[in-house]
Amino acid sequence: MRKKTPFLILGVLLLLSLGCTITLPSIPLPEVPTLETGPMQEYREEIPLETATETTVNIRIGVGELTLEPGDPETLFSGLFRTNVSAWVPTIVRETGRLTVEQPSVRGVPQPGAENEWEIRLAPRVPLRLRVTLGAARGRLDLTGLALTDLSIETGASDLTVRTAGPNPATLERFLLRAGAANAEITGIGYLRPRRVSVEGGVGSLTLDFAGPWTESADIDIKAGVGSITLRFPQDVGARVLVEGNLGNIQADPEWRLSGSTYVNKAYGTSPTTLNVTLLSGIGNVRIETSQ
């Protein structure tokens, strides 16, 4: 019995023999508006301390540059904002126990030369629950002296440095860091006095320096992404790094001892405090160091 040729193949051959073409309907792409630039404008805002108790401070900047540092003890919030894009003028909302400083979410591509600079100062006396969110922005945060009880930092495609050089007057219950496509360096984590640290690395480069006077032991959870992470520990504080995942992409200084899937430093088991680190290692590179 002779097999029949499928109708689909016959139809294609017929179209080719006739020299026919098939034109697909075009799909119009949505137009992206342009954010126009103008003269540089400067805005100032201050909120007095008054009788403020613990305050949640939310800072969200999508594009530009953020500088944050301690300020006048009698002023809860002081902000200086410079921008030449009127759509980027921040909104500042003060409510009971809460302060929000936010760059408006506007759709559009900024013209060349667009600028957006924030300088924010917070009172060092008031207990703060601080949340900072950066998109495609540069961040320079000096947390020295701020009374932080909770700290959350989330970044996108940003360049971030966080510095702490003096003891936190409060107890930091949690420090959460989510780093996307960022180059980030966090130094002096021990000065923050955190009880719990959670870090999620992305596709960029991340350095975590745990320097500082650790007066209590702490639990530290780190998820390494596809980028590179450097973990730097003080030599006088015991540290134990339990690796879950790929051990092959981890490099450690010679004084670190590996047993099974756990690295420990020389001070482990002898110092009064211990940093218990759980590292979920992916396909990125991880370096474990001892600070000098």
C-alpha atoms as a PDB file:
ATOM      1  CA  MET A   1       0.000   0.000   0.000  1.00  0.00           C
ATOM      2  CA  ARG A   2       1.417   3.409  -0.986  1.00  0.00           C
ATOM      3  CA  LYS A   3       1.905   6.016   1.747  1.00  0.00           C
ATOM      4  CA  LYS A   4       0.194   9.387   1.392  1.00  0.00           C
ATOM      5  CA  THR A   5       2.197  12.608   1.562  1.00  0.00           C
ATOM      6  CA  PRO A   6       0.983  14.887   4.394  1.00  0.00           C
ATOM      7  CA  PHE A   7      -1.066  17.830   3.197  1.00  0.00           C
ATOM      8  CA  LEU A   8       1.100  20.302   5.161  1.00  0.00           C
ATOM      9  CA  ILE A   9       4.245  19.401   3.225  1.00  0.00           C
ATOM     10  CA  LEU A  10       2.391  19.604  -0.086  1.00  0.00           C
ATOM     11  CA  GLY A  11       1.062  23.037   0.823  1.00  0.00           C
ATOM     12  CA  VAL A  12       4.525  24.371   1.644  1.00  0.00           C
ATOM     13  CA  LEU A  13       5.967  23.020  -1.596  1.00  0.00           C
ATOM     14  CA  LEU A  14       3.128  24.621  -3.550  1.00  0.00           C
ATOM     15  CA  LEU A  15       3.751  28.022  -1.982  1.00  0.00           C
ATOM     16  CA  LEU A  16       7.459  27.802  -2.727  1.00  0.00           C
ATOM     17  CA  SER A  17       6.833  26.843  -6.347  1.00  0.00           C
ATOM     18  CA  LEU A  18       4.571  29.863  -6.796  1.00  0.00           C
ATOM     19  CA  GLY A  19       7.133  32.216  -5.228  1.00  0.00           C
ATOM     20  CA  CYS A  20       4.692  33.336  -2.598  1.00  0.00           C
ATOM     21  CA  THR A  21       5.737  35.127   0.607  1.00  0.00           C
ATOM     22  CA  ILE A  22       3.996  35.226   3.945  1.00  0.00           C
ATOM     23  CA  THR A  23       3.911  38.595   5.709  1.00  0.00           C
ATOM     24  CA  LEU A  24       3.327  38.649   9.439  1.00  0.00           C
ATOM     25  CA  PRO A  25       1.462  41.632  10.892  1.00  0.00           C
ATOM     26  CA  SER A  26       3.757  44.146  12.580  1.00  0.00           C
ATOM     27  CA  ILE A  27       3.327  44.711  16.292  1.00  0.00           C
ATOM     28  CA  PRO A  28       3.865  48.329  17.310  1.00  0.00           C
ATOM     29  CA  LEU A  29       6.280  48.774  20.233  1.00  0.00           C
ATOM     30  CA  PRO A  30       5.157  51.045  23.045  1.00  0.00           C
ATOM     31  CA  GLU A  31       6.804  54.439  23.064  1.00  0.00           C
ATOM     32  CA  VAL A  32       8.937  55.191  26.117  1.00  0.00           C
ATOM     33  CA  PRO A  33       8.640  58.819  27.201  1.00  0.00           C
ATOM     34  CA  THR A  34      11.693  60.995  27.782  1.00  0.00           C
ATOM     35  CA  LEU A  35      12.307  62.667  31.112  1.00  0.00           C
ATOM     36  CA  GLU A  36      13.433  66.160  30.305  1.00  0.00           C
ATOM     37  CA  THR A  37      16.204  67.885  32.209  1.00  0.00           C
ATOM     38  CA  GLY A  38      16.179  71.493  33.270  1.00  0.00           C
ATOM     39  CA  PRO A  39      18.100  73.789  35.602  1.00  0.00           C
ATOM     40  CA  MET A  40      19.428  72.250  38.816  1.00  0.00           C
ATOM     41  CA  GLN A  41      16.997  72.761  41.680  1.00  0.00           C
ATOM     42  CA  GLU A  42      17.757  72.440  45.400  1.00  0.00           C
ATOM     43  CA  TYR A  43      15.311  71.398  48.092  1.00  0.00           C
ATOM     44  CA  ARG A  44      15.784  71.256  51.870  1.00  0.00           C
ATOM     45  CA  GLU A  45      13.670  69.559  54.492  1.00  0.00           C
ATOM     46  CA  GLU A  46      14.097  69.262  58.270  1.00  0.00           C
ATOM     47  CA  ILE A  47      12.026  67.463  60.879  1.00  0.00           C
ATOM     48  CA  PRO A  48      12.725  68.349  64.528  1.00  0.00           C
ATOM     49  CA  LEU A  49      13.330  65.667  67.104  1.00  0.00           C
ATOM     50  CA  GLU A  50      10.512  66.736  69.448  1.00  0.00           C
ATOM     51  CA  THR A  51       9.329  63.663  71.389  1.00  0.00           C
ATOM     52  CA  ALA A  52      10.193  61.068  68.770  1.00  0.00           C
ATOM     53  CA  THR A  53      10.556  57.492  70.026  1.00  0.00           C
ATOM     54  CA  GLU A  54      11.526  54.497  67.898  1.00  0.00           C
ATOM     55  CA  THR A  55      11.003  55.472  64.269  1.00  0.00           C
ATOM     56  CA  THR A  56      10.841  53.440  61.068  1.00  0.00           C
ATOM     57  CA  VAL A  57      12.704  55.278  58.310  1.00  0.00           C
ATOM     58  CA  ASN A  58      12.139  54.166  54.703  1.00  0.00           C
ATOM     59  CA  ILE A  59      14.451  55.621  52.053  1.00  0.00           C
ATOM     60  CA  ARG A  60      13.899  54.661  48.412  1.00  0.00           C
ATOM     61  CA  ILE A  61      15.912  56.086  45.535  1.00  0.00           C
ATOM     62  CA  GLY A  62      15.741  54.652  42.041  1.00  0.00           C
ATOM     63  CA  VAL A  63      18.279  56.718  40.099  1.00  0.00           C
ATOM     64  CA  GLY A  64      20.979  59.032  41.384  1.00  0.00           C
ATOM     65  CA  GLU A  65      23.286  59.218  44.378  1.00  0.00           C
ATOM     66  CA  LEU A  66      22.500  58.843  48.075  1.00  0.00           C
ATOM     67  CA  THR A  67      24.688  59.960  50.973  1.00  0.00           C
ATOM     68  CA  LEU A  68      23.483  59.088  54.478  1.00  0.00           C
ATOM     69  CA  GLU A  69      25.194  59.888  57.778  1.00  0.00           C
ATOM     70  CA  PRO A  70      24.463  60.870  61.393  1.00  0.00           C
ATOM     71  CA  GLY A  71      23.422  64.457  61.933  1.00  0.00           C
ATOM     72  CA  ASP A  72      22.304  66.888  64.647  1.00  0.00           C
ATOM     73  CA  PRO A  73      21.049  65.055  67.765  1.00  0.00           C
ATOM     74  CA  GLU A  74      18.171  67.559  68.024  1.00  0.00           C
ATOM     75  CA  THR A  75      16.967  67.011  64.437  1.00  0.00           C
ATOM     76  CA  LEU A  76      15.292  63.732  63.543  1.00  0.00           C
ATOM     77  CA  PHE A  77      15.774  64.205  59.798  1.00  0.00           C
ATOM     78  CA  SER A  78      17.663  66.655  57.620  1.00  0.00           C
ATOM     79  CA  GLY A  79      17.663  66.330  53.840  1.00  0.00           C
ATOM     80  CA  LEU A  80      19.298  68.239  51.008  1.00  0.00           C
ATOM     81  CA  PHE A  81      18.125  67.245  47.531  1.00  0.00           C
ATOM     82  CA  ARG A  82      19.502  68.439  44.196  1.00  0.00           C
ATOM     83  CA  THR A  83      18.048  67.416  40.845  1.00  0.00           C
ATOM     84  CA  ASN A  84      17.520  68.765  37.354  1.00  0.00           C
ATOM     85  CA  VAL A  85      14.633  66.378  36.625  1.00  0.00           C
ATOM     86  CA  SER A  86      11.437  67.751  38.137  1.00  0.00           C
ATOM     87  CA  ALA A  87       9.783  64.316  38.131  1.00  0.00           C
ATOM     88  CA  TRP A  88      12.450  63.068  40.551  1.00  0.00           C
ATOM     89  CA  VAL A  89      11.743  65.530  43.378  1.00  0.00           C
ATOM     90  CA  PRO A  90      11.269  63.208  46.407  1.00  0.00           C
ATOM     91  CA  THR A  91       8.136  62.900  48.454  1.00  0.00           C
ATOM     92  CA  ILE A  92       8.605  63.085  52.224  1.00  0.00           C
ATOM     93  CA  VAL A  93       5.876  61.783  54.498  1.00  0.00           C
ATOM     94  CA  ARG A  94       6.057  61.976  58.294  1.00  0.00           C
ATOM     95  CA  GLU A  95       3.609  59.891  60.290  1.00  0.00           C
ATOM     96  CA  THR A  96       3.527  58.718  63.875  1.00  0.00           C
ATOM     97  CA  GLY A  97       6.503  56.417  64.271  1.00  0.00           C
ATOM     98  CA  ARG A  98       7.306  56.437  60.552  1.00  0.00           C
ATOM     99  CA  LEU A  99       9.209  58.559  58.034  1.00  0.00           C
ATOM    100  CA  THR A 100       9.252  57.848  54.291  1.00  0.00           C
ATOM    101  CA  VAL A 101      11.566  59.548  51.777  1.00  0.00           C
ATOM    102  CA  GLU A 102      10.846  58.284  48.286  1.00  0.00           C
ATOM    103  CA  GLN A 103      11.731  59.107  44.706  1.00  0.00           C
ATOM    104  CA  PRO A 104       8.492  59.039  42.680  1.00  0.00           C
ATOM    105  CA  SER A 105       8.062  56.067  40.374  1.00  0.00           C
ATOM    106  CA  VAL A 106       7.878  57.662  36.933  1.00  0.00           C
ATOM    107  CA  ARG A 107       8.173  55.951  33.563  1.00  0.00           C
ATOM    108  CA  GLY A 108      10.685  57.337  31.114  1.00  0.00           C
ATOM    109  CA  VAL A 109      14.278  57.570  29.968  1.00  0.00           C
ATOM    110  CA  PRO A 110      16.232  60.546  31.371  1.00  0.00           C
ATOM    111  CA  GLN A 111      18.040  62.836  28.979  1.00  0.00           C
ATOM    112  CA  PRO A 112      21.864  62.926  29.061  1.00  0.00           C
ATOM    113  CA  GLY A 113      23.124  64.987  31.972  1.00  0.00           C
ATOM    114  CA  ALA A 114      20.299  64.083  34.344  1.00  0.00           C
ATOM    115  CA  GLU A 115      21.352  64.430  37.998  1.00  0.00           C
ATOM    116  CA  ASN A 116      19.776  63.439  41.294  1.00  0.00           C
ATOM    117  CA  GLU A 117      21.697  63.831  44.561  1.00  0.00           C
ATOM    118  CA  TRP A 118      20.404  63.181  48.066  1.00  0.00           C
ATOM    119  CA  GLU A 119      22.197  64.077  51.302  1.00  0.00           C
ATOM    120  CA  ILE A 120      20.344  62.726  54.337  1.00  0.00           C
ATOM    121  CA  ARG A 121      21.234  63.017  58.019  1.00  0.00           C
ATOM    122  CA  LEU A 122      19.467  61.206  60.858  1.00  0.00           C
ATOM    123  CA  ALA A 123      19.478  61.833  64.598  1.00  0.00           C
ATOM    124  CA  PRO A 124      21.883  59.513  66.449  1.00  0.00           C
ATOM    125  CA  ARG A 125      19.815  59.367  69.659  1.00  0.00           C
ATOM    126  CA  VAL A 126      16.528  57.934  68.400  1.00  0.00           C
ATOM    127  CA  PRO A 127      16.171  54.144  67.977  1.00  0.00           C
ATOM    128  CA  LEU A 128      15.738  53.577  64.248  1.00  0.00           C
ATOM    129  CA  ARG A 129      14.382  50.811  62.073  1.00  0.00           C
ATOM    130  CA  LEU A 130      16.169  51.777  58.877  1.00  0.00           C
ATOM    131  CA  ARG A 131      15.237  50.483  55.424  1.00  0.00           C
ATOM    132  CA  VAL A 132      17.189  51.672  52.389  1.00  0.00           C
ATOM    133  CA  THR A 133      16.294  50.652  48.826  1.00  0.00           C
ATOM    134  CA  LEU A 134      18.480  51.604  45.863  1.00  0.00           C
ATOM    135  CA  GLY A 135      17.816  50.923  42.206  1.00  0.00           C
ATOM    136  CA  ALA A 136      20.355  52.100  39.626  1.00  0.00           C
ATOM    137  CA  ALA A 137      21.897  54.394  42.204  1.00  0.00           C
ATOM    138  CA  ARG A 138      25.131  54.968  44.098  1.00  0.00           C
ATOM    139  CA  GLY A 139      24.973  54.760  47.857  1.00  0.00           C
ATOM    140  CA  ARG A 140      27.399  55.980  50.533  1.00  0.00           C
ATOM    141  CA  LEU A 141      26.095  55.137  54.001  1.00  0.00           C
ATOM    142  CA  ASP A 142      27.925  56.022  57.221  1.00  0.00           C
ATOM    143  CA  LEU A 143      26.011  54.407  60.076  1.00  0.00           C
ATOM    144  CA  THR A 144      28.480  55.313  62.825  1.00  0.00           C
ATOM    145  CA  GLY A 145      26.630  56.327  65.983  1.00  0.00           C
ATOM    146  CA  LEU A 146      23.095  55.691  64.735  1.00  0.00           C
ATOM    147  CA  ALA A 147      20.902  53.788  67.213  1.00  0.00           C
ATOM    148  CA  LEU A 148      19.793  51.007  64.877  1.00  0.00           C
ATOM    149  CA  THR A 149      17.385  48.290  66.049  1.00  0.00           C
ATOM    150  CA  ASP A 150      16.677  46.887  62.582  1.00  0.00           C
ATOM    151  CA  LEU A 151      18.548  47.435  59.309  1.00  0.00           C
ATOM    152  CA  SER A 152      17.504  46.420  55.798  1.00  0.00           C
ATOM    153  CA  ILE A 153      19.390  47.353  52.612  1.00  0.00           C
ATOM    154  CA  GLU A 154      18.287  46.277  49.128  1.00  0.00           C
ATOM    155  CA  THR A 155      20.167  47.188  45.965  1.00  0.00           C
ATOM    156  CA  GLY A 156      19.723  46.836  42.249  1.00  0.00           C
ATOM    157  CA  ALA A 157      22.378  47.789  39.720  1.00  0.00           C
ATOM    158  CA  SER A 158      24.145  49.984  42.230  1.00  0.00           C
ATOM    159  CA  ASP A 159      27.532  50.912  43.646  1.00  0.00           C
ATOM    160  CA  LEU A 160      27.288  50.776  47.439  1.00  0.00           C
ATOM    161  CA  THR A 161      29.560  51.338  50.419  1.00  0.00           C
ATOM    162  CA  VAL A 162      28.361  51.013  54.021  1.00  0.00           C
ATOM    163  CA  ARG A 163      30.692  52.032  56.838  1.00  0.00           C
ATOM    164  CA  THR A 164      30.365  51.715  60.611  1.00  0.00           C
ATOM    165  CA  ALA A 165      33.313  52.863  62.748  1.00  0.00           C
ATOM    166  CA  GLY A 166      31.779  53.159  66.212  1.00  0.00           C
ATOM    167  CA  PRO A 167      29.500  51.076  68.439  1.00  0.00           C
ATOM    168  CA  ASN A 168      25.775  51.050  67.838  1.00  0.00           C
ATOM    169  CA  PRO A 169      24.078  52.585  70.931  1.00  0.00           C
ATOM    170  CA  ALA A 170      21.190  50.126  70.492  1.00  0.00           C
ATOM    171  CA  THR A 171      20.989  46.388  69.886  1.00  0.00           C
ATOM    172  CA  LEU A 172      20.489  45.496  66.246  1.00  0.00           C
ATOM    173  CA  GLU A 173      18.095  42.572  66.166  1.00  0.00           C
ATOM    174  CA  ARG A 174      18.493  41.954  62.429  1.00  0.00           C
ATOM    175  CA  PHE A 175      20.662  43.093  59.531  1.00  0.00           C
ATOM    176  CA  LEU A 176      19.277  42.137  56.100  1.00  0.00           C
ATOM    177  CA  LEU A 177      21.211  42.775  52.893  1.00  0.00           C
ATOM    178  CA  ARG A 178      19.985  41.896  49.400  1.00  0.00           C
ATOM    179  CA  ALA A 179      22.527  42.791  46.722  1.00  0.00           C
ATOM    180  CA  GLY A 180      21.452  42.478  43.093  1.00  0.00           C
ATOM    181  CA  ALA A 181      23.737  43.485  40.243  1.00  0.00           C
ATOM    182  CA  ALA A 182      25.736  45.546  42.698  1.00  0.00           C
ATOM    183  CA  ASN A 183      29.303  46.233  43.692  1.00  0.00           C
ATOM    184  CA  ALA A 184      28.968  46.545  47.457  1.00  0.00           C
ATOM    185  CA  GLU A 185      31.367  46.819  50.375  1.00  0.00           C
ATOM    186  CA  ILE A 186      30.083  46.617  53.951  1.00  0.00           C
ATOM    187  CA  THR A 187      32.691  47.346  56.644  1.00  0.00           C
ATOM    188  CA  GLY A 188      32.552  47.320  60.441  1.00  0.00           C
ATOM    189  CA  ILE A 189      29.591  44.945  60.769  1.00  0.00           C
ATOM    190  CA  GLY A 190      30.710  44.080  64.308  1.00  0.00           C
ATOM    191  CA  TYR A 191      30.147  47.702  65.397  1.00  0.00           C
ATOM    192  CA  LEU A 192      26.481  47.365  64.450  1.00  0.00           C
ATOM    193  CA  ARG A 193      26.098  44.706  67.190  1.00  0.00           C
ATOM    194  CA  PRO A 194      23.736  42.510  65.166  1.00  0.00           C
ATOM    195  CA  ARG A 195      22.224  39.376  66.649  1.00  0.00           C
ATOM    196  CA  ARG A 196      21.277  38.003  63.254  1.00  0.00           C
ATOM    197  CA  VAL A 197      22.624  38.734  59.766  1.00  0.00           C
ATOM    198  CA  SER A 198      21.025  37.614  56.474  1.00  0.00           C
ATOM    199  CA  VAL A 199      22.763  38.275  53.154  1.00  0.00           C
ATOM    200  CA  GLU A 200      21.713  37.419  49.611  1.00  0.00           C
ATOM    201  CA  GLY A 201      24.383  37.977  46.981  1.00  0.00           C
ATOM    202  CA  GLY A 202      23.574  38.664  43.356  1.00  0.00           C
ATOM    203  CA  VAL A 203      25.634  38.910  40.192  1.00  0.00           C
ATOM    204  CA  GLY A 204      28.027  41.625  41.322  1.00  0.00           C
ATOM    205  CA  SER A 205      30.906  41.854  43.776  1.00  0.00           C
ATOM    206  CA  LEU A 206      30.224  41.857  47.523  1.00  0.00           C
ATOM    207  CA  THR A 207      32.641  42.349  50.434  1.00  0.00           C
ATOM    208  CA  LEU A 208      31.491  41.738  54.011  1.00  0.00           C
ATOM    209  CA  ASP A 209      33.936  42.918  56.676  1.00  0.00           C
ATOM    210  CA  PHE A 210      32.916  41.747  60.156  1.00  0.00           C
ATOM    211  CA  ALA A 211      35.361  43.973  62.035  1.00  0.00           C
ATOM    212  CA  GLY A 212      34.284  45.373  65.381  1.00  0.00           C
ATOM    213  CA  PRO A 213      33.881  44.485  69.069  1.00  0.00           C
ATOM    214  CA  TRP A 214      31.513  41.519  69.037  1.00  0.00           C
ATOM    215  CA  THR A 215      30.077  41.487  72.563  1.00  0.00           C
ATOM    216  CA  GLU A 216      27.570  38.734  71.735  1.00  0.00           C
ATOM    217  CA  SER A 217      27.586  35.709  69.471  1.00  0.00           C
ATOM    218  CA  ALA A 218      25.625  36.022  66.237  1.00  0.00           C
ATOM    219  CA  ASP A 219      24.040  33.846  63.555  1.00  0.00           C
ATOM    220  CA  ILE A 220      24.900  34.768  59.974  1.00  0.00           C
ATOM    221  CA  ASP A 221      23.159  33.316  56.895  1.00  0.00           C
ATOM    222  CA  ILE A 222      24.708  34.016  53.492  1.00  0.00           C
ATOM    223  CA  LYS A 223      23.430  32.974  50.071  1.00  0.00           C
ATOM    224  CA  ALA A 224      26.124  33.397  47.449  1.00  0.00           C
ATOM    225  CA  GLY A 225      24.913  34.221  43.953  1.00  0.00           C
ATOM    226  CA  VAL A 226      26.752  34.032  40.640  1.00  0.00           C
ATOM    227  CA  GLY A 227      29.031  36.941  41.484  1.00  0.00           C
ATOM    228  CA  SER A 228      31.928  37.061  43.941  1.00  0.00           C
ATOM    229  CA  ILE A 229      31.769  37.365  47.739  1.00  0.00           C
ATOM    230  CA  THR A 230      34.609  38.135  50.147  1.00  0.00           C
ATOM    231  CA  LEU A 231      34.085  37.352  53.848  1.00  0.00           C
ATOM    232  CA  ARG A 232      36.599  39.069  56.151  1.00  0.00           C
ATOM    233  CA  PHE A 233      36.661  38.177  59.869  1.00  0.00           C
ATOM    234  CA  PRO A 234      38.607  39.688  62.798  1.00  0.00           C
ATOM    235  CA  GLN A 235      41.334  37.393  64.045  1.00  0.00           C
ATOM    236  CA  ASP A 236      40.294  37.613  67.723  1.00  0.00           C
ATOM    237  CA  VAL A 237      36.675  36.511  67.213  1.00  0.00           C
ATOM    238  CA  GLY A 238      35.839  32.850  66.738  1.00  0.00           C
ATOM    239  CA  ALA A 239      34.170  32.060  63.436  1.00  0.00           C
ATOM    240  CA  ARG A 240      32.676  28.883  62.034  1.00  0.00           C
ATOM    241  CA  VAL A 241      31.578  28.763  58.380  1.00  0.00           C
ATOM    242  CA  LEU A 242      29.376  25.821  57.444  1.00  0.00           C
ATOM    243  CA  VAL A 243      29.218  25.435  53.665  1.00  0.00           C
ATOM    244  CA  GLU A 244      26.096  24.094  52.016  1.00  0.00           C
ATOM    245  CA  GLY A 245      26.608  23.579  48.311  1.00  0.00           C
ATOM    246  CA  ASN A 246      29.716  23.825  46.184  1.00  0.00           C
ATOM    247  CA  LEU A 247      33.020  23.691  48.076  1.00  0.00           C
ATOM    248  CA  GLY A 248      35.093  23.864  44.913  1.00  0.00           C
ATOM    249  CA  ASN A 249      34.703  27.608  44.368  1.00  0.00           C
ATOM    250  CA  ILE A 250      35.822  28.629  47.888  1.00  0.00           C
ATOM    251  CA  GLN A 251      39.279  29.941  48.748  1.00  0.00           C
ATOM    252  CA  ALA A 252      40.331  30.482  52.372  1.00  0.00           C
ATOM    253  CA  ASP A 253      43.403  32.001  54.030  1.00  0.00           C
ATOM    254  CA  PRO A 254      45.922  29.386  55.258  1.00  0.00           C
ATOM    255  CA  GLU A 255      45.010  29.808  58.959  1.00  0.00           C
ATOM    256  CA  TRP A 256      41.462  28.589  58.305  1.00  0.00           C
ATOM    257  CA  ARG A 257      41.002  24.856  58.943  1.00  0.00           C
ATOM    258  CA  LEU A 258      38.635  22.799  56.815  1.00  0.00           C
ATOM    259  CA  SER A 259      36.918  19.760  58.315  1.00  0.00           C
ATOM    260  CA  GLY A 260      34.326  18.146  56.079  1.00  0.00           C
ATOM    261  CA  SER A 261      32.274  21.096  54.861  1.00  0.00           C
ATOM    262  CA  THR A 262      33.135  23.464  57.728  1.00  0.00           C
ATOM    263  CA  TYR A 263      35.839  26.136  57.970  1.00  0.00           C
ATOM    264  CA  VAL A 264      36.957  27.419  61.385  1.00  0.00           C
ATOM    265  CA  ASN A 265      39.506  30.092  62.279  1.00  0.00           C
ATOM    266  CA  LYS A 266      42.169  29.979  65.020  1.00  0.00           C
ATOM    267  CA  ALA A 267      40.007  31.827  67.551  1.00  0.00           C
ATOM    268  CA  TYR A 268      37.120  29.390  67.234  1.00  0.00           C
ATOM    269  CA  GLY A 269      36.449  27.662  70.534  1.00  0.00           C
ATOM    270  CA  THR A 270      38.652  30.019  72.557  1.00  0.00           C
ATOM    271  CA  SER A 271      37.068  33.462  72.168  1.00  0.00           C
ATOM    272  CA  PRO A 272      34.060  34.428  74.351  1.00  0.00           C
ATOM    273  CA  THR A 273      31.887  35.076  71.288  1.00  0.00           C
ATOM    274  CA  THR A 274      31.359  33.081  68.091  1.00  0.00           C
ATOM    275  CA  LEU A 275      30.111  33.968  64.637  1.00  0.00           C
ATOM    276  CA  ASN A 276      28.117  31.014  63.370  1.00  0.00           C
ATOM    277  CA  VAL A 277      27.979  31.358  59.598  1.00  0.00           C
ATOM    278  CA  THR A 278      25.894  29.240  57.228  1.00  0.00           C
ATOM    279  CA  LEU A 279      27.021  29.754  53.628  1.00  0.00           C
ATOM    280  CA  LEU A 280      24.902  28.494  50.743  1.00  0.00           C
ATOM    281  CA  SER A 281      27.486  28.458  47.980  1.00  0.00           C
ATOM    282  CA  GLY A 282      26.323  28.659  44.372  1.00  0.00           C
ATOM    283  CA  ILE A 283      28.398  29.008  41.224  1.00  0.00           C
ATOM    284  CA  GLY A 284      30.058  32.263  42.181  1.00  0.00           C
ATOM    285  CA  ASN A 285      33.454  32.735  43.833  1.00  0.00           C
ATOM    286  CA  VAL A 286      33.828  32.946  47.617  1.00  0.00           C
ATOM    287  CA  ARG A 287      36.899  34.111  49.519  1.00  0.00           C
ATOM    288  CA  ILE A 288      37.280  33.710  53.313  1.00  0.00           C
ATOM    289  CA  GLU A 289      39.872  36.016  54.860  1.00  0.00           C
ATOM    290  CA  THR A 290      41.253  37.139  58.227  1.00  0.00           C
ATOM    291  CA  SER A 291      41.646  40.874  58.716  1.00  0.00           C
ATOM    292  CA  GLN A 292      45.079  42.116  59.789  1.00  0.00           C
END
